[in-house]
Amino acid sequence: MRPLQVLLVDDNPAARGLAEEAFSLSGQPCEVTMMESGDDALAALMDKDGIRPDVVLLDINMPGMDGFAVLEAMKAQPHLRPIPVVMLSGSSAPQDIRKAYTLHANAYLVKSVEFQAFLTQIEDFVVFWTQARLTTRPNDSAY
């Protein structure tokens, strides 16, 4: 089985570094592409030769195009709509969670502030999405 392909979008370099470490320590087969802005992520996803992740981990609070705007833009595009999006945020505010699901996020994950708990979140995330996705990528021309 091929590794899980994850796109992580977060403007915070420390958060990306922490996530990169957590993914590498998870012991799960996955490949992570990191982007620091919603604009860059959406451009890469819209490019017909761009990335096609199995799942997107998307921060909410980013300058420029925030996570909600990226999610909305993805779900408006027929070729991006099938890609699962998990909002990864420090916010547990009910209005943020409600908005994410209203915009058709597949899940909402509140980042743990404690590294060991965050590592467990990442391990669980990879295991779940590895089991939930198709074991072979659909015909890329359909994207």
N, C-alpha and C. Protein backbone atom coordinates (compact mmCIF):
# COMPACT_ATOMS: atom_id res chain seq x y z
N MET A 1 0.85 -1.18 0.00
CA MET A 1 0.00 0.00 0.00
C MET A 1 0.90 1.24 0.00
N ARG A 2 0.53 2.21 -0.80
CA ARG A 2 1.32 3.43 -0.88
C ARG A 2 1.11 4.29 0.38
N PRO A 3 2.09 5.14 0.69
CA PRO A 3 1.94 6.01 1.87
C PRO A 3 0.80 7.00 1.69
N LEU A 4 0.21 7.37 2.79
CA LEU A 4 -0.81 8.40 2.79
C LEU A 4 -0.18 9.73 2.38
N GLN A 5 -0.83 10.44 1.46
CA GLN A 5 -0.35 11.74 0.98
C GLN A 5 -1.13 12.83 1.72
N VAL A 6 -0.42 13.63 2.51
CA VAL A 6 -1.05 14.68 3.33
C VAL A 6 -0.54 16.04 2.88
N LEU A 7 -1.45 16.99 2.73
CA LEU A 7 -1.09 18.39 2.54
C LEU A 7 -1.42 19.11 3.83
N LEU A 8 -0.40 19.69 4.45
CA LEU A 8 -0.60 20.47 5.68
C LEU A 8 -0.41 21.94 5.33
N VAL A 9 -1.40 22.76 5.67
CA VAL A 9 -1.36 24.19 5.37
C VAL A 9 -1.43 24.95 6.69
N ASP A 10 -0.33 25.63 7.02
CA ASP A 10 -0.26 26.40 8.27
C ASP A 10 0.78 27.49 8.08
N ASP A 11 0.42 28.72 8.43
CA ASP A 11 1.34 29.84 8.25
C ASP A 11 2.43 29.92 9.31
N ASN A 12 2.26 29.21 10.42
CA ASN A 12 3.19 29.30 11.54
C ASN A 12 4.34 28.31 11.35
N PRO A 13 5.59 28.82 11.18
CA PRO A 13 6.72 27.91 10.97
C PRO A 13 6.94 26.95 12.14
N ALA A 14 6.72 27.41 13.36
CA ALA A 14 6.88 26.53 14.52
C ALA A 14 5.85 25.41 14.50
N ALA A 15 4.62 25.72 14.13
CA ALA A 15 3.56 24.71 14.06
C ALA A 15 3.87 23.70 12.96
N ARG A 16 4.38 24.18 11.81
CA ARG A 16 4.74 23.26 10.73
C ARG A 16 5.89 22.36 11.17
N GLY A 17 6.87 22.93 11.87
CA GLY A 17 8.00 22.13 12.36
C GLY A 17 7.55 21.07 13.35
N LEU A 18 6.66 21.45 14.25
CA LEU A 18 6.12 20.52 15.23
C LEU A 18 5.34 19.40 14.53
N ALA A 19 4.53 19.77 13.55
CA ALA A 19 3.76 18.77 12.81
C ALA A 19 4.70 17.85 12.03
N GLU A 20 5.72 18.41 11.42
CA GLU A 20 6.68 17.60 10.67
C GLU A 20 7.34 16.57 11.60
N GLU A 21 7.72 17.00 12.78
CA GLU A 21 8.32 16.08 13.75
C GLU A 21 7.31 15.02 14.17
N ALA A 22 6.08 15.43 14.44
CA ALA A 22 5.05 14.48 14.86
C ALA A 22 4.79 13.44 13.77
N PHE A 23 4.71 13.87 12.52
CA PHE A 23 4.50 12.91 11.43
C PHE A 23 5.67 11.95 11.31
N SER A 24 6.90 12.46 11.46
CA SER A 24 8.06 11.58 11.33
C SER A 24 8.15 10.59 12.49
N LEU A 25 7.68 10.98 13.67
CA LEU A 25 7.72 10.09 14.84
C LEU A 25 6.52 9.14 14.90
N SER A 26 5.53 9.36 14.05
CA SER A 26 4.30 8.57 14.13
C SER A 26 4.53 7.10 13.77
N GLY A 27 5.56 6.83 13.00
CA GLY A 27 5.81 5.45 12.60
C GLY A 27 4.84 4.96 11.55
N GLN A 28 4.02 5.84 11.02
CA GLN A 28 3.04 5.48 10.00
C GLN A 28 3.55 5.90 8.63
N PRO A 29 3.25 5.12 7.59
CA PRO A 29 3.71 5.49 6.25
C PRO A 29 2.91 6.66 5.68
N CYS A 30 3.54 7.82 5.65
CA CYS A 30 2.87 8.98 5.07
C CYS A 30 3.90 9.94 4.51
N GLU A 31 3.49 10.70 3.53
CA GLU A 31 4.31 11.74 2.93
C GLU A 31 3.56 13.05 3.11
N VAL A 32 4.25 14.04 3.70
CA VAL A 32 3.60 15.31 4.02
C VAL A 32 4.20 16.41 3.16
N THR A 33 3.33 17.15 2.50
CA THR A 33 3.71 18.37 1.78
C THR A 33 3.22 19.52 2.64
N MET A 34 4.09 20.49 2.89
CA MET A 34 3.71 21.62 3.73
C MET A 34 3.66 22.90 2.91
N MET A 35 2.64 23.67 3.17
CA MET A 35 2.47 24.98 2.55
C MET A 35 2.23 25.99 3.66
N GLU A 36 2.73 27.20 3.45
CA GLU A 36 2.62 28.21 4.50
C GLU A 36 1.50 29.22 4.28
N SER A 37 0.77 29.07 3.20
CA SER A 37 -0.35 30.00 2.99
C SER A 37 -1.49 29.31 2.26
N GLY A 38 -2.68 29.80 2.52
CA GLY A 38 -3.85 29.30 1.83
C GLY A 38 -3.78 29.56 0.34
N ASP A 39 -3.25 30.72 -0.04
CA ASP A 39 -3.12 31.06 -1.45
C ASP A 39 -2.22 30.07 -2.18
N ASP A 40 -1.05 29.75 -1.57
CA ASP A 40 -0.12 28.80 -2.18
C ASP A 40 -0.74 27.41 -2.29
N ALA A 41 -1.43 26.99 -1.24
CA ALA A 41 -2.04 25.66 -1.24
C ALA A 41 -3.11 25.56 -2.33
N LEU A 42 -3.97 26.57 -2.41
CA LEU A 42 -5.03 26.52 -3.42
C LEU A 42 -4.44 26.56 -4.83
N ALA A 43 -3.41 27.36 -5.04
CA ALA A 43 -2.76 27.42 -6.35
C ALA A 43 -2.18 26.05 -6.73
N ALA A 44 -1.54 25.38 -5.78
CA ALA A 44 -0.96 24.07 -6.04
C ALA A 44 -2.05 23.04 -6.33
N LEU A 45 -3.16 23.14 -5.62
CA LEU A 45 -4.26 22.20 -5.83
C LEU A 45 -4.98 22.46 -7.16
N MET A 46 -5.06 23.71 -7.57
CA MET A 46 -5.75 24.08 -8.80
C MET A 46 -4.92 23.75 -10.04
N ASP A 47 -3.60 23.70 -9.90
CA ASP A 47 -2.71 23.39 -11.01
C ASP A 47 -2.98 21.95 -11.47
N LYS A 48 -3.26 21.77 -12.75
CA LYS A 48 -3.60 20.43 -13.21
C LYS A 48 -2.47 19.44 -13.01
N ASP A 49 -1.25 19.92 -12.92
CA ASP A 49 -0.10 19.05 -12.65
C ASP A 49 0.36 19.17 -11.21
N GLY A 50 -0.46 19.80 -10.38
CA GLY A 50 -0.09 20.05 -8.99
C GLY A 50 -0.31 18.83 -8.10
N ILE A 51 -0.27 19.08 -6.82
CA ILE A 51 -0.38 18.01 -5.84
C ILE A 51 -1.81 17.48 -5.75
N ARG A 52 -1.94 16.21 -5.43
CA ARG A 52 -3.24 15.56 -5.23
C ARG A 52 -3.16 14.74 -3.94
N PRO A 53 -3.34 15.41 -2.82
CA PRO A 53 -3.23 14.70 -1.54
C PRO A 53 -4.44 13.80 -1.29
N ASP A 54 -4.24 12.84 -0.40
CA ASP A 54 -5.35 12.01 0.05
C ASP A 54 -6.22 12.78 1.03
N VAL A 55 -5.59 13.69 1.77
CA VAL A 55 -6.30 14.48 2.78
C VAL A 55 -5.53 15.78 3.00
N VAL A 56 -6.26 16.84 3.31
CA VAL A 56 -5.67 18.15 3.60
C VAL A 56 -5.90 18.46 5.07
N LEU A 57 -4.82 18.84 5.76
CA LEU A 57 -4.90 19.35 7.13
C LEU A 57 -4.76 20.86 7.00
N LEU A 58 -5.77 21.60 7.43
CA LEU A 58 -5.86 23.01 7.11
C LEU A 58 -6.06 23.86 8.36
N ASP A 59 -5.11 24.75 8.62
CA ASP A 59 -5.23 25.70 9.73
C ASP A 59 -6.30 26.73 9.37
N ILE A 60 -6.94 27.28 10.37
CA ILE A 60 -7.98 28.28 10.12
C ILE A 60 -7.38 29.68 10.01
N ASN A 61 -6.64 30.09 11.04
CA ASN A 61 -6.17 31.47 11.14
C ASN A 61 -4.85 31.66 10.42
N MET A 62 -4.95 32.21 9.20
CA MET A 62 -3.78 32.51 8.40
C MET A 62 -4.00 33.88 7.75
N PRO A 63 -2.91 34.63 7.55
CA PRO A 63 -3.07 35.91 6.84
C PRO A 63 -3.42 35.65 5.38
N GLY A 64 -4.01 36.63 4.76
CA GLY A 64 -4.43 36.46 3.37
C GLY A 64 -5.64 35.55 3.33
N MET A 65 -5.54 34.49 2.57
CA MET A 65 -6.64 33.53 2.45
C MET A 65 -6.62 32.60 3.67
N ASP A 66 -7.62 32.74 4.52
CA ASP A 66 -7.65 31.89 5.73
C ASP A 66 -8.17 30.50 5.37
N GLY A 67 -8.13 29.60 6.35
CA GLY A 67 -8.53 28.22 6.12
C GLY A 67 -9.97 28.07 5.66
N PHE A 68 -10.85 28.89 6.18
CA PHE A 68 -12.25 28.82 5.75
C PHE A 68 -12.39 29.16 4.26
N ALA A 69 -11.65 30.17 3.81
CA ALA A 69 -11.71 30.57 2.40
C ALA A 69 -11.13 29.47 1.51
N VAL A 70 -10.05 28.82 1.96
CA VAL A 70 -9.48 27.71 1.19
C VAL A 70 -10.48 26.57 1.10
N LEU A 71 -11.06 26.22 2.23
CA LEU A 71 -12.06 25.14 2.27
C LEU A 71 -13.22 25.44 1.32
N GLU A 72 -13.74 26.65 1.39
CA GLU A 72 -14.86 27.04 0.54
C GLU A 72 -14.48 26.96 -0.94
N ALA A 73 -13.27 27.43 -1.27
CA ALA A 73 -12.82 27.39 -2.66
C ALA A 73 -12.62 25.95 -3.14
N MET A 74 -12.08 25.09 -2.28
CA MET A 74 -11.90 23.69 -2.65
C MET A 74 -13.23 23.00 -2.92
N LYS A 75 -14.19 23.22 -2.05
CA LYS A 75 -15.47 22.54 -2.18
C LYS A 75 -16.30 23.10 -3.33
N ALA A 76 -15.91 24.26 -3.87
CA ALA A 76 -16.59 24.84 -5.03
C ALA A 76 -16.05 24.27 -6.35
N GLN A 77 -14.92 23.56 -6.29
CA GLN A 77 -14.30 23.01 -7.49
C GLN A 77 -14.59 21.52 -7.60
N PRO A 78 -15.26 21.09 -8.65
CA PRO A 78 -15.61 19.67 -8.78
C PRO A 78 -14.41 18.72 -8.65
N HIS A 79 -13.24 19.11 -9.18
CA HIS A 79 -12.09 18.21 -9.12
C HIS A 79 -11.41 18.20 -7.74
N LEU A 80 -11.69 19.19 -6.90
CA LEU A 80 -11.11 19.23 -5.55
C LEU A 80 -12.11 18.79 -4.48
N ARG A 81 -13.37 18.85 -4.79
CA ARG A 81 -14.42 18.53 -3.82
C ARG A 81 -14.25 17.18 -3.14
N PRO A 82 -13.80 16.12 -3.85
CA PRO A 82 -13.69 14.81 -3.19
C PRO A 82 -12.53 14.71 -2.19
N ILE A 83 -11.59 15.64 -2.22
CA ILE A 83 -10.44 15.55 -1.31
C ILE A 83 -10.91 15.90 0.11
N PRO A 84 -10.74 14.97 1.05
CA PRO A 84 -11.14 15.27 2.43
C PRO A 84 -10.31 16.41 3.02
N VAL A 85 -10.98 17.26 3.79
CA VAL A 85 -10.31 18.38 4.45
C VAL A 85 -10.59 18.29 5.95
N VAL A 86 -9.51 18.29 6.72
CA VAL A 86 -9.61 18.29 8.18
C VAL A 86 -9.07 19.63 8.66
N MET A 87 -9.91 20.37 9.35
CA MET A 87 -9.47 21.64 9.92
C MET A 87 -8.65 21.31 11.16
N LEU A 88 -7.46 21.88 11.23
CA LEU A 88 -6.55 21.68 12.36
C LEU A 88 -6.30 23.04 12.97
N SER A 89 -6.86 23.26 14.16
CA SER A 89 -6.83 24.59 14.73
C SER A 89 -6.65 24.55 16.24
N GLY A 90 -6.13 25.62 16.77
CA GLY A 90 -6.07 25.78 18.21
C GLY A 90 -7.40 26.25 18.78
N SER A 91 -8.31 26.62 17.91
CA SER A 91 -9.61 27.15 18.33
C SER A 91 -10.60 26.02 18.58
N SER A 92 -11.22 26.07 19.75
CA SER A 92 -12.33 25.15 20.03
C SER A 92 -13.64 25.93 20.11
N ALA A 93 -13.64 27.14 19.56
CA ALA A 93 -14.83 27.99 19.57
C ALA A 93 -15.95 27.34 18.77
N PRO A 94 -17.13 27.21 19.37
CA PRO A 94 -18.25 26.57 18.66
C PRO A 94 -18.55 27.19 17.30
N GLN A 95 -18.40 28.51 17.18
CA GLN A 95 -18.70 29.15 15.90
C GLN A 95 -17.69 28.75 14.82
N ASP A 96 -16.43 28.51 15.19
CA ASP A 96 -15.43 28.04 14.22
C ASP A 96 -15.75 26.62 13.77
N ILE A 97 -16.08 25.77 14.72
CA ILE A 97 -16.41 24.38 14.41
C ILE A 97 -17.64 24.31 13.53
N ARG A 98 -18.67 25.07 13.89
CA ARG A 98 -19.91 25.11 13.11
C ARG A 98 -19.64 25.60 11.68
N LYS A 99 -18.84 26.67 11.57
CA LYS A 99 -18.54 27.22 10.25
C LYS A 99 -17.79 26.19 9.39
N ALA A 100 -16.83 25.49 9.99
CA ALA A 100 -16.06 24.48 9.25
C ALA A 100 -16.99 23.42 8.66
N TYR A 101 -17.90 22.92 9.47
CA TYR A 101 -18.81 21.88 8.98
C TYR A 101 -19.84 22.44 8.00
N THR A 102 -20.24 23.68 8.18
CA THR A 102 -21.16 24.32 7.24
C THR A 102 -20.51 24.42 5.86
N LEU A 103 -19.18 24.62 5.85
CA LEU A 103 -18.44 24.72 4.59
C LEU A 103 -17.98 23.35 4.08
N HIS A 104 -18.43 22.30 4.73
CA HIS A 104 -18.21 20.91 4.31
C HIS A 104 -16.82 20.36 4.64
N ALA A 105 -16.25 20.78 5.77
CA ALA A 105 -15.04 20.12 6.26
C ALA A 105 -15.43 18.69 6.62
N ASN A 106 -14.49 17.77 6.47
CA ASN A 106 -14.75 16.37 6.81
C ASN A 106 -14.55 16.10 8.29
N ALA A 107 -13.73 16.93 8.94
CA ALA A 107 -13.49 16.78 10.37
C ALA A 107 -12.87 18.07 10.90
N TYR A 108 -12.90 18.21 12.21
CA TYR A 108 -12.34 19.37 12.89
C TYR A 108 -11.51 18.84 14.05
N LEU A 109 -10.23 19.14 14.05
CA LEU A 109 -9.31 18.64 15.07
C LEU A 109 -8.71 19.83 15.82
N VAL A 110 -8.93 19.88 17.12
CA VAL A 110 -8.33 20.94 17.95
C VAL A 110 -6.93 20.49 18.33
N LYS A 111 -5.92 21.30 17.93
CA LYS A 111 -4.53 20.96 18.21
C LYS A 111 -4.29 20.90 19.71
N SER A 112 -3.68 19.82 20.13
CA SER A 112 -3.29 19.73 21.53
C SER A 112 -2.05 20.60 21.74
N VAL A 113 -1.98 21.26 22.90
CA VAL A 113 -0.82 22.12 23.19
C VAL A 113 0.33 21.30 23.77
N GLU A 114 0.07 20.09 24.21
CA GLU A 114 1.09 19.22 24.79
C GLU A 114 1.61 18.31 23.68
N PHE A 115 2.94 18.24 23.49
CA PHE A 115 3.50 17.53 22.34
C PHE A 115 3.11 16.06 22.30
N GLN A 116 3.18 15.36 23.41
CA GLN A 116 2.86 13.93 23.40
C GLN A 116 1.41 13.70 22.97
N ALA A 117 0.52 14.55 23.43
CA ALA A 117 -0.89 14.44 23.03
C ALA A 117 -1.05 14.79 21.55
N PHE A 118 -0.29 15.78 21.06
CA PHE A 118 -0.32 16.14 19.64
C PHE A 118 0.20 14.98 18.80
N LEU A 119 1.27 14.34 19.26
CA LEU A 119 1.82 13.19 18.56
C LEU A 119 0.76 12.09 18.43
N THR A 120 0.03 11.84 19.51
CA THR A 120 -1.05 10.85 19.47
C THR A 120 -2.13 11.27 18.48
N GLN A 121 -2.46 12.55 18.44
CA GLN A 121 -3.46 13.04 17.48
C GLN A 121 -3.00 12.75 16.04
N ILE A 122 -1.73 13.02 15.76
CA ILE A 122 -1.20 12.81 14.41
C ILE A 122 -1.19 11.32 14.06
N GLU A 123 -0.76 10.49 15.00
CA GLU A 123 -0.77 9.04 14.76
C GLU A 123 -2.18 8.55 14.45
N ASP A 124 -3.14 8.98 15.26
CA ASP A 124 -4.53 8.59 15.06
C ASP A 124 -5.06 9.10 13.72
N PHE A 125 -4.70 10.33 13.37
CA PHE A 125 -5.10 10.92 12.10
C PHE A 125 -4.61 10.07 10.93
N VAL A 126 -3.32 9.72 10.95
CA VAL A 126 -2.74 8.95 9.85
C VAL A 126 -3.37 7.56 9.76
N VAL A 127 -3.53 6.91 10.89
CA VAL A 127 -4.15 5.58 10.89
C VAL A 127 -5.57 5.66 10.33
N PHE A 128 -6.35 6.61 10.81
CA PHE A 128 -7.73 6.74 10.34
C PHE A 128 -7.78 6.98 8.84
N TRP A 129 -7.04 7.98 8.34
CA TRP A 129 -7.15 8.35 6.93
C TRP A 129 -6.50 7.31 6.03
N THR A 130 -5.53 6.57 6.53
CA THR A 130 -4.97 5.47 5.75
C THR A 130 -6.03 4.40 5.55
N GLN A 131 -6.79 4.11 6.58
CA GLN A 131 -7.83 3.09 6.48
C GLN A 131 -9.06 3.61 5.73
N ALA A 132 -9.34 4.89 5.80
CA ALA A 132 -10.54 5.45 5.20
C ALA A 132 -10.40 5.71 3.70
N ARG A 133 -9.22 5.96 3.24
CA ARG A 133 -9.04 6.31 1.83
C ARG A 133 -9.03 5.08 0.94
N LEU A 134 -9.09 5.32 -0.32
CA LEU A 134 -8.93 4.24 -1.28
C LEU A 134 -7.47 3.80 -1.25
N THR A 135 -7.20 2.54 -1.45
CA THR A 135 -5.82 2.09 -1.43
C THR A 135 -5.09 2.42 -2.72
N THR A 136 -5.82 2.72 -3.75
CA THR A 136 -5.21 3.22 -4.98
C THR A 136 -5.90 4.51 -5.35
N ARG A 137 -5.14 5.43 -5.88
CA ARG A 137 -5.70 6.73 -6.25
C ARG A 137 -6.62 6.58 -7.46
N PRO A 138 -7.77 7.24 -7.42
CA PRO A 138 -8.64 7.23 -8.60
C PRO A 138 -7.89 7.82 -9.79
N ASN A 139 -8.37 7.56 -10.96
CA ASN A 139 -7.77 8.09 -12.17
C ASN A 139 -7.57 9.59 -12.03
N ASP A 140 -6.31 10.04 -12.07
CA ASP A 140 -6.01 11.45 -11.87
C ASP A 140 -6.67 12.35 -12.92
N SER A 141 -7.02 11.82 -14.06
CA SER A 141 -7.69 12.66 -15.05
C SER A 141 -9.07 13.11 -14.57
N ALA A 142 -9.61 12.38 -13.60
CA ALA A 142 -10.91 12.78 -13.04
C ALA A 142 -10.76 13.99 -12.12
N TYR A 143 -9.55 14.27 -11.69
CA TYR A 143 -9.30 15.43 -10.83
C TYR A 143 -9.20 16.64 -11.71
